[in-house]
Amino acid sequence: MIRFLFDRDTWQEVWDSLNKNKLRSILTMVGVWWGILLLIGLLGSAKGIENSFNRLFGNFATNSVFIWGQSTSKPFKGFQEGKAVRLSLSDAKRVEENIEGIEFVVPRNQNQGFVSRKTLSGNYSVAGDYPLLDVVQKKKLLNGRFINQNDINENKKSAVISEDIYKQLFEKDVKPIGEYIEINGINFTVIGVFEESNVNMGPSSDIHIPFSTFQQIYNQGDQIGWMMITGKPEFDIKQIEADAKLLLKNLNKIHPNDKRAFGSFNLGDAFGRMTGFLTGMQFLTWFVGIATLIAGVFAIGGILLITVKERTKEIGVRRALGATPFEVKRQIVVEAVFITIIAGVAGIISGGWILIAIDKLAGQGDDATFVNASVTISVVFIALVILVALGTLIGLIPAFKATSIKPIEALREE
């Protein structure tokens, strides 16, 4: 078989067969070309969307849930309906200690503040945070550092500001680290500048200050605005959310069936739905691409059947001269595989050009929809294997048709 593939007469015969009707040969290849182009283009685009999604959420602990207090909807233990619910640091500590599967609990607080520097000022959101926030929601720092434990312990008046505040309050080329800003008339030292994310998990904050300092300035005592709970990867964040809410209801004397007392946003659940959508999109892409490929390969089989009909007399002569049925079948299968591979390679190259165009047009910048839209070598290899397998199988149909003709009848064919 290997010797047959390297035989010059074999490929001369394949070329002559294709060259007899160039237009038909080209049209035959279009179906396969379009199928592989569609497969590569859609898979690459799906990967680009996945990369964009991962870039947006890459700095977040996605197996997380946010919980905050609202108001009760049921009377319970002497408290009337409509009681305001406020979470506390002790609540957060009890949740962390008693709920299985929790990795981090991050209490947070936020308020508005009048911020000024020299003659420039504005109202901005000020958040009181722990250093742990930079672990579960990584900040992209342009200068300086984030809050550390020493800032918390010493109630330091340190501030990490957004790039937007820097541009509004500081003159161009002024280095902000070590400079002072006033928050509600109190001087704070700028220790860092962060780039604002395109995705905000929870209320967005313009300024981060130490949690302990925030509690003092805004007279919050033990109260917190909300808590971010991050579960360990192997635990179900939905179950953690349910367990945490039940514990918080018990701690705050709230009816177990009160669904309004605590609000929540389950990031892990939302992330799971999105990854499920991406997986489904990739499956659909493979299904559509392979279905289109099969349709194109069947078109090749149909054309080869016509070709076999036209070459009936030629096949009869070859059989009369001693060609075995296997040799006739082999020649036709080689033609089918050759046409399939040529069309497939053209489709792969065209698909690659399309992905390059997508990357140039929609893959640049922070808001890019498709980030590095591409396919791996393994995907290309799998596509080629599928092509060869389909080409071989479809080539067997006209091959058996050719060998079913008796030589004497073929020689009589006009």
Protein backbone atom coordinates (compact mmCIF):
# COMPACT_ATOMS: atom_id res chain seq x y z
CA MET A 1 0.00 0.00 0.00
CA ILE A 2 2.81 2.42 0.90
CA ARG A 3 4.55 1.66 -2.41
CA PHE A 4 1.27 2.32 -4.21
CA LEU A 5 0.98 5.78 -2.60
CA PHE A 6 4.43 6.77 -3.86
CA ASP A 7 3.80 5.43 -7.35
CA ARG A 8 3.88 8.24 -9.93
CA ASP A 9 1.27 6.56 -12.12
CA THR A 10 -1.17 6.54 -9.20
CA TRP A 11 -1.03 10.29 -8.73
CA GLN A 12 -1.00 10.92 -12.49
CA GLU A 13 -4.26 9.00 -12.72
CA VAL A 14 -5.73 10.99 -9.81
CA TRP A 15 -4.68 14.24 -11.49
CA ASP A 16 -6.12 13.22 -14.86
CA SER A 17 -9.40 12.27 -13.21
CA LEU A 18 -9.71 15.65 -11.47
CA ASN A 19 -8.49 17.58 -14.50
CA LYS A 20 -11.16 16.14 -16.83
CA ASN A 21 -13.81 18.29 -15.17
CA LYS A 22 -12.13 21.07 -13.22
CA LEU A 23 -15.32 22.93 -12.31
CA ARG A 24 -16.95 19.81 -10.92
CA SER A 25 -13.82 18.96 -8.96
CA ILE A 26 -13.71 22.45 -7.42
CA LEU A 27 -17.40 22.42 -6.56
CA THR A 28 -16.92 18.99 -5.00
CA MET A 29 -14.31 20.39 -2.66
CA VAL A 30 -16.37 23.43 -1.62
CA GLY A 31 -18.56 21.46 0.80
CA VAL A 32 -15.59 20.04 2.72
CA TRP A 33 -13.74 23.38 2.56
CA TRP A 34 -16.73 25.20 4.02
CA GLY A 35 -17.25 22.55 6.73
CA ILE A 36 -13.68 22.68 8.04
CA LEU A 37 -13.58 26.48 7.74
CA LEU A 38 -16.80 26.68 9.79
CA LEU A 39 -15.42 24.26 12.37
CA ILE A 40 -12.13 26.12 12.81
CA GLY A 41 -13.80 29.55 12.77
CA LEU A 42 -16.48 28.66 15.31
CA LEU A 43 -14.14 26.76 17.64
CA GLY A 44 -11.63 29.62 17.55
CA SER A 45 -14.36 32.20 18.21
CA ALA A 46 -15.73 30.14 21.10
CA LYS A 47 -12.23 29.94 22.56
CA GLY A 48 -11.86 33.69 22.17
CA ILE A 49 -15.09 34.30 24.11
CA GLU A 50 -13.92 31.86 26.80
CA ASN A 51 -10.56 33.66 27.06
CA SER A 52 -12.37 37.00 27.34
CA PHE A 53 -14.58 35.61 30.09
CA ASN A 54 -11.60 34.16 31.97
CA ARG A 55 -9.72 37.45 31.70
CA LEU A 56 -12.66 39.34 33.18
CA PHE A 57 -13.10 36.93 36.08
CA GLY A 58 -9.52 35.73 36.40
CA ASN A 59 -8.82 37.96 39.41
CA PHE A 60 -11.94 36.90 41.30
CA ALA A 61 -12.51 33.96 43.61
CA THR A 62 -15.46 32.70 41.56
CA ASN A 63 -16.64 30.11 44.12
CA SER A 64 -18.06 32.94 46.21
CA VAL A 65 -21.32 34.42 47.49
CA PHE A 66 -22.15 37.93 48.75
CA ILE A 67 -24.63 38.23 51.67
CA TRP A 68 -26.13 41.41 53.14
CA GLY A 69 -28.91 42.30 55.55
CA GLN A 70 -32.29 43.65 54.40
CA SER A 71 -35.54 43.56 56.43
CA THR A 72 -37.67 40.74 57.80
CA SER A 73 -40.90 39.56 56.17
CA LYS A 74 -42.15 37.45 59.11
CA PRO A 75 -42.63 38.24 62.82
CA PHE A 76 -40.48 36.04 65.07
CA LYS A 77 -39.67 35.83 68.81
CA GLY A 78 -41.31 39.12 69.66
CA PHE A 79 -39.95 41.06 66.67
CA GLN A 80 -42.43 42.49 64.20
CA GLU A 81 -42.29 42.13 60.43
CA GLY A 82 -40.08 44.75 58.78
CA LYS A 83 -37.26 44.69 61.32
CA ALA A 84 -34.04 46.04 59.76
CA VAL A 85 -31.27 43.45 59.64
CA ARG A 86 -27.65 44.55 60.05
CA LEU A 87 -24.74 42.14 59.92
CA SER A 88 -21.84 42.37 62.33
CA LEU A 89 -18.21 41.33 62.59
CA SER A 90 -19.22 38.67 65.11
CA ASP A 91 -21.69 37.27 62.54
CA ALA A 92 -18.90 36.99 60.00
CA LYS A 93 -16.65 35.27 62.53
CA ARG A 94 -19.35 32.77 63.50
CA VAL A 95 -20.03 31.96 59.85
CA GLU A 96 -16.32 31.34 59.21
CA GLU A 97 -16.00 29.10 62.26
CA ASN A 98 -19.17 27.03 61.89
CA ILE A 99 -19.90 26.52 58.20
CA GLU A 100 -18.13 23.62 56.52
CA GLY A 101 -16.25 24.28 53.29
CA ILE A 102 -15.51 27.98 53.79
CA GLU A 103 -12.07 29.22 52.77
CA PHE A 104 -12.45 32.96 53.42
CA VAL A 105 -15.00 35.35 54.91
CA VAL A 106 -14.32 38.99 54.05
CA PRO A 107 -16.41 41.62 55.91
CA ARG A 108 -16.82 44.89 54.01
CA ASN A 109 -18.29 48.34 54.56
CA GLN A 110 -18.90 51.26 52.25
CA ASN A 111 -20.13 54.84 52.39
CA GLN A 112 -19.92 58.06 50.46
CA GLY A 113 -17.17 60.53 51.27
CA PHE A 114 -16.29 64.07 50.28
CA VAL A 115 -12.75 63.80 48.94
CA SER A 116 -10.53 66.78 48.21
CA ARG A 117 -6.96 67.75 47.40
CA LYS A 118 -5.95 71.39 47.21
CA THR A 119 -8.66 73.08 45.10
CA LEU A 120 -10.01 69.87 43.56
CA SER A 121 -12.77 67.80 45.17
CA GLY A 122 -15.64 65.39 44.58
CA ASN A 123 -17.94 62.83 46.18
CA TYR A 124 -16.68 59.25 45.91
CA SER A 125 -17.48 55.83 47.37
CA VAL A 126 -15.17 54.90 50.24
CA ALA A 127 -14.83 51.26 51.31
CA GLY A 128 -13.43 49.86 54.51
CA ASP A 129 -11.54 46.70 53.69
CA TYR A 130 -9.20 44.02 54.95
CA PRO A 131 -6.00 42.93 53.12
CA LEU A 132 -7.84 39.68 52.28
CA LEU A 133 -9.90 41.54 49.70
CA ASP A 134 -6.80 41.67 47.49
CA VAL A 135 -6.74 37.86 47.58
CA VAL A 136 -10.35 37.19 46.60
CA GLN A 137 -10.68 40.22 44.29
CA LYS A 138 -7.18 40.92 43.07
CA LYS A 139 -6.56 44.59 42.41
CA LYS A 140 -4.46 45.58 39.44
CA LEU A 141 -2.16 48.11 41.09
CA LEU A 142 -0.60 50.75 38.89
CA ASN A 143 1.45 52.23 41.74
CA GLY A 144 2.17 51.40 45.36
CA ARG A 145 0.48 48.67 47.39
CA PHE A 146 -2.85 47.57 48.84
CA ILE A 147 -3.88 47.74 52.50
CA ASN A 148 -1.87 45.45 54.81
CA GLN A 149 -2.42 44.09 58.32
CA ASN A 150 -0.28 46.81 59.89
CA ASP A 151 -2.69 49.42 58.48
CA ILE A 152 -5.54 47.56 60.20
CA ASN A 153 -3.79 47.05 63.53
CA GLU A 154 -2.70 50.70 63.85
CA ASN A 155 -5.88 52.22 62.37
CA LYS A 156 -3.74 54.00 59.83
CA LYS A 157 -5.15 56.70 57.63
CA SER A 158 -4.00 55.05 54.40
CA ALA A 159 -5.90 55.16 51.12
CA VAL A 160 -5.76 53.15 47.92
CA ILE A 161 -7.40 55.22 45.19
CA SER A 162 -8.70 54.42 41.71
CA GLU A 163 -6.97 55.63 38.58
CA ASP A 164 -9.98 57.86 37.88
CA ILE A 165 -9.58 59.70 41.21
CA TYR A 166 -5.88 60.12 40.54
CA LYS A 167 -6.63 61.77 37.20
CA GLN A 168 -9.25 64.07 38.75
CA LEU A 169 -7.41 65.16 41.89
CA PHE A 170 -3.76 65.12 40.85
CA GLU A 171 -1.89 67.21 38.34
CA LYS A 172 -0.32 65.43 35.42
CA ASP A 173 3.03 63.72 36.14
CA VAL A 174 2.59 64.13 39.92
CA LYS A 175 3.48 60.90 41.71
CA PRO A 176 0.56 60.13 44.05
CA ILE A 177 2.29 57.73 46.49
CA GLY A 178 2.93 59.55 49.75
CA GLU A 179 0.71 62.49 48.86
CA TYR A 180 -2.29 63.46 50.99
CA ILE A 181 -5.99 63.60 50.22
CA GLU A 182 -8.80 64.64 52.55
CA ILE A 183 -11.76 62.33 53.18
CA ASN A 184 -14.51 64.12 55.08
CA GLY A 185 -11.92 66.61 56.33
CA ILE A 186 -9.43 63.96 57.54
CA ASN A 187 -6.01 63.61 55.92
CA PHE A 188 -5.18 60.25 54.36
CA THR A 189 -1.89 59.17 52.80
CA VAL A 190 -2.15 57.66 49.33
CA ILE A 191 -0.40 54.27 49.39
CA GLY A 192 -1.60 52.85 46.07
CA VAL A 193 -3.41 53.47 42.79
CA PHE A 194 -5.44 50.70 41.15
CA GLU A 195 -6.91 50.23 37.71
CA GLU A 196 -10.69 49.93 37.79
CA SER A 197 -12.02 46.57 36.63
CA ASN A 198 -14.55 46.14 33.84
CA VAL A 199 -16.42 43.74 36.12
CA ASN A 200 -17.57 44.81 39.57
CA MET A 201 -18.46 42.10 42.06
CA GLY A 202 -20.53 43.91 44.65
CA PRO A 203 -20.68 47.71 44.98
CA SER A 204 -17.78 49.40 43.18
CA SER A 205 -15.38 51.40 45.35
CA ASP A 206 -13.34 54.44 44.37
CA ILE A 207 -11.22 54.42 47.53
CA HIS A 208 -10.16 51.61 49.87
CA ILE A 209 -9.13 52.43 53.44
CA PRO A 210 -8.35 50.10 56.39
CA PHE A 211 -11.51 48.50 57.77
CA SER A 212 -10.70 49.55 61.34
CA THR A 213 -10.19 53.16 60.27
CA PHE A 214 -13.49 53.15 58.35
CA GLN A 215 -15.37 51.89 61.44
CA GLN A 216 -14.02 54.78 63.49
CA ILE A 217 -14.64 57.54 60.91
CA TYR A 218 -18.19 56.47 60.10
CA ASN A 219 -18.99 55.32 63.67
CA GLN A 220 -19.97 51.82 62.53
CA GLY A 221 -18.90 49.97 65.67
CA ASP A 222 -19.30 46.23 65.06
CA GLN A 223 -21.63 46.59 62.08
CA ILE A 224 -20.71 45.64 58.51
CA GLY A 225 -22.39 46.30 55.17
CA TRP A 226 -21.99 42.82 53.71
CA MET A 227 -19.72 39.82 53.71
CA MET A 228 -18.08 37.95 50.88
CA ILE A 229 -17.86 34.21 51.52
CA THR A 230 -15.47 32.13 49.42
CA GLY A 231 -15.82 28.38 49.44
CA LYS A 232 -13.14 25.78 48.93
CA PRO A 233 -13.09 24.47 45.32
CA GLU A 234 -14.43 21.03 46.24
CA PHE A 235 -17.50 22.40 48.08
CA ASP A 236 -20.84 23.49 46.63
CA ILE A 237 -21.19 27.26 47.04
CA LYS A 238 -25.00 26.97 46.89
CA GLN A 239 -24.97 24.75 49.97
CA ILE A 240 -22.55 27.11 51.72
CA GLU A 241 -24.91 30.01 50.97
CA ALA A 242 -27.92 28.13 52.37
CA ASP A 243 -26.02 27.07 55.52
CA ALA A 244 -24.68 30.60 56.09
CA LYS A 245 -28.12 32.20 55.77
CA LEU A 246 -29.67 29.67 58.16
CA LEU A 247 -26.95 30.35 60.74
CA LEU A 248 -27.32 34.12 60.33
CA LYS A 249 -31.10 33.85 60.85
CA ASN A 250 -30.50 31.93 64.05
CA LEU A 251 -27.93 34.47 65.28
CA ASN A 252 -30.20 37.43 64.52
CA LYS A 253 -33.50 35.86 65.75
CA ILE A 254 -35.11 35.69 62.31
CA HIS A 255 -37.72 33.16 61.20
CA PRO A 256 -36.03 30.20 59.42
CA ASN A 257 -38.40 30.55 56.44
CA ASP A 258 -37.93 34.30 56.05
CA LYS A 259 -36.59 34.73 52.52
CA ARG A 260 -36.39 38.53 52.56
CA ALA A 261 -34.19 39.05 55.62
CA PHE A 262 -30.93 38.49 53.76
CA GLY A 263 -30.06 39.38 50.20
CA SER A 264 -27.38 37.50 48.31
CA PHE A 265 -25.62 37.16 45.00
CA ASN A 266 -24.07 33.79 44.26
CA LEU A 267 -21.10 34.43 41.99
CA GLY A 268 -20.25 30.73 41.87
CA ASP A 269 -23.73 29.90 40.57
CA ALA A 270 -23.57 32.65 37.93
CA PHE A 271 -20.06 31.56 36.92
CA GLY A 272 -21.23 27.95 36.66
CA ARG A 273 -24.07 28.93 34.33
CA MET A 274 -21.68 30.89 32.15
CA THR A 275 -19.13 28.05 31.94
CA GLY A 276 -22.02 25.69 31.14
CA PHE A 277 -23.07 28.00 28.34
CA LEU A 278 -19.50 28.06 26.98
CA THR A 279 -19.29 24.26 27.13
CA GLY A 280 -22.62 23.95 25.33
CA MET A 281 -21.47 26.43 22.69
CA GLN A 282 -18.32 24.40 22.04
CA PHE A 283 -20.36 21.19 21.77
CA LEU A 284 -22.75 22.88 19.35
CA THR A 285 -19.76 24.15 17.34
CA TRP A 286 -18.35 20.63 17.00
CA PHE A 287 -21.79 19.28 16.06
CA VAL A 288 -22.45 21.94 13.39
CA GLY A 289 -18.91 21.72 12.01
CA ILE A 290 -18.83 17.93 11.77
CA ALA A 291 -22.36 17.81 10.33
CA THR A 292 -21.28 20.27 7.64
CA LEU A 293 -18.16 18.17 7.00
CA ILE A 294 -20.22 15.02 6.61
CA ALA A 295 -22.52 16.78 4.16
CA GLY A 296 -19.50 17.94 2.15
CA VAL A 297 -17.93 14.48 2.15
CA PHE A 298 -21.19 12.91 0.99
CA ALA A 299 -21.15 15.35 -1.90
CA ILE A 300 -17.71 13.99 -2.80
CA GLY A 301 -19.09 10.47 -2.70
CA GLY A 302 -21.94 11.47 -5.03
CA ILE A 303 -19.57 13.07 -7.51
CA LEU A 304 -17.30 10.01 -7.46
CA LEU A 305 -20.28 7.80 -8.22
CA ILE A 306 -20.90 9.92 -11.32
CA THR A 307 -17.20 9.70 -12.15
CA VAL A 308 -17.28 5.90 -11.83
CA LYS A 309 -20.25 5.80 -14.18
CA GLU A 310 -18.35 7.90 -16.73
CA ARG A 311 -15.25 5.71 -16.37
CA THR A 312 -17.07 2.39 -16.70
CA LYS A 313 -15.30 1.44 -19.94
CA GLU A 314 -11.90 2.49 -18.56
CA ILE A 315 -12.47 0.33 -15.47
CA GLY A 316 -13.50 -2.58 -17.73
CA VAL A 317 -10.24 -2.27 -19.70
CA ARG A 318 -8.19 -2.24 -16.48
CA ARG A 319 -10.02 -5.30 -15.19
CA ALA A 320 -9.50 -7.08 -18.54
CA LEU A 321 -5.77 -6.30 -18.36
CA GLY A 322 -5.51 -7.96 -14.95
CA ALA A 323 -6.30 -5.27 -12.41
CA THR A 324 -7.77 -6.86 -9.30
CA PRO A 325 -10.94 -5.52 -7.59
CA PHE A 326 -8.76 -4.40 -4.65
CA GLU A 327 -6.55 -2.29 -6.95
CA VAL A 328 -9.59 -0.60 -8.50
CA LYS A 329 -11.08 0.09 -5.07
CA ARG A 330 -7.77 1.43 -3.81
CA GLN A 331 -7.46 3.89 -6.68
CA ILE A 332 -10.93 5.35 -6.10
CA VAL A 333 -10.48 5.56 -2.29
CA VAL A 334 -7.17 7.41 -2.81
CA GLU A 335 -8.98 9.91 -5.04
CA ALA A 336 -11.66 10.45 -2.39
CA VAL A 337 -9.12 10.92 0.42
CA PHE A 338 -6.97 13.20 -1.74
CA ILE A 339 -9.91 15.47 -2.61
CA THR A 340 -11.01 15.53 1.03
CA ILE A 341 -7.56 16.39 2.39
CA ILE A 342 -6.89 19.12 -0.19
CA ALA A 343 -10.27 20.74 0.56
CA GLY A 344 -9.72 20.29 4.31
CA VAL A 345 -6.25 21.87 4.33
CA ALA A 346 -7.64 24.80 2.33
CA GLY A 347 -10.42 25.12 4.92
CA ILE A 348 -7.94 25.05 7.82
CA ILE A 349 -5.83 27.79 6.22
CA SER A 350 -8.93 29.88 5.47
CA GLY A 351 -10.20 29.36 9.02
CA GLY A 352 -6.83 30.52 10.36
CA TRP A 353 -7.06 33.71 8.27
CA ILE A 354 -10.55 34.33 9.64
CA LEU A 355 -9.32 33.95 13.23
CA ILE A 356 -6.48 36.38 12.52
CA ALA A 357 -9.03 38.87 11.16
CA ILE A 358 -11.27 38.38 14.23
CA ASP A 359 -8.30 39.01 16.52
CA LYS A 360 -7.41 42.21 14.66
CA LEU A 361 -10.99 43.53 14.58
CA ALA A 362 -12.44 42.40 17.92
CA GLY A 363 -9.58 40.98 19.97
CA GLN A 364 -7.68 44.10 20.95
CA GLY A 365 -8.07 46.25 24.06
CA ASP A 366 -9.49 45.68 27.53
CA ASP A 367 -13.07 45.42 26.25
CA ALA A 368 -12.26 42.84 23.57
CA THR A 369 -15.04 40.33 22.89
CA PHE A 370 -12.68 37.72 21.46
CA VAL A 371 -9.34 37.36 23.27
CA ASN A 372 -6.78 35.30 21.34
CA ALA A 373 -9.36 33.53 19.20
CA SER A 374 -7.48 30.39 18.19
CA VAL A 375 -7.51 26.61 17.97
CA THR A 376 -4.87 24.21 19.21
CA ILE A 377 -2.74 21.90 17.06
CA SER A 378 -4.60 18.96 18.59
CA VAL A 379 -7.93 20.32 17.26
CA VAL A 380 -6.44 20.70 13.77
CA PHE A 381 -5.03 17.17 13.98
CA ILE A 382 -8.40 15.75 15.09
CA ALA A 383 -10.11 17.58 12.21
CA LEU A 384 -7.65 16.07 9.72
CA VAL A 385 -8.13 12.56 11.16
CA ILE A 386 -11.90 12.97 10.86
CA LEU A 387 -11.44 14.12 7.26
CA VAL A 388 -9.28 11.13 6.34
CA ALA A 389 -11.69 8.71 8.02
CA LEU A 390 -14.74 10.23 6.32
CA GLY A 391 -12.94 10.41 2.97
CA THR A 392 -11.99 6.75 3.20
CA LEU A 393 -15.48 5.63 4.17
CA ILE A 394 -17.22 7.68 1.51
CA GLY A 395 -14.70 6.52 -1.11
CA LEU A 396 -15.67 2.91 -0.46
CA ILE A 397 -19.17 3.48 -1.86
CA PRO A 398 -18.11 4.31 -5.45
CA ALA A 399 -15.23 1.83 -5.09
CA PHE A 400 -17.63 -1.08 -4.50
CA LYS A 401 -19.82 0.25 -7.28
CA ALA A 402 -16.83 0.18 -9.65
CA THR A 403 -15.86 -3.39 -8.80
CA SER A 404 -19.44 -4.64 -9.07
CA ILE A 405 -19.30 -4.07 -12.84
CA LYS A 406 -18.22 -7.16 -14.78
CA PRO A 407 -15.34 -6.51 -17.26
CA ILE A 408 -17.21 -7.83 -20.29
CA GLU A 409 -20.22 -5.59 -19.56
CA ALA A 410 -17.96 -2.60 -18.97
CA LEU A 411 -16.22 -3.14 -22.34
CA ARG A 412 -19.59 -3.16 -24.09
CA GLU A 413 -20.57 0.18 -22.39
CA GLU A 414 -20.94 2.98 -24.91
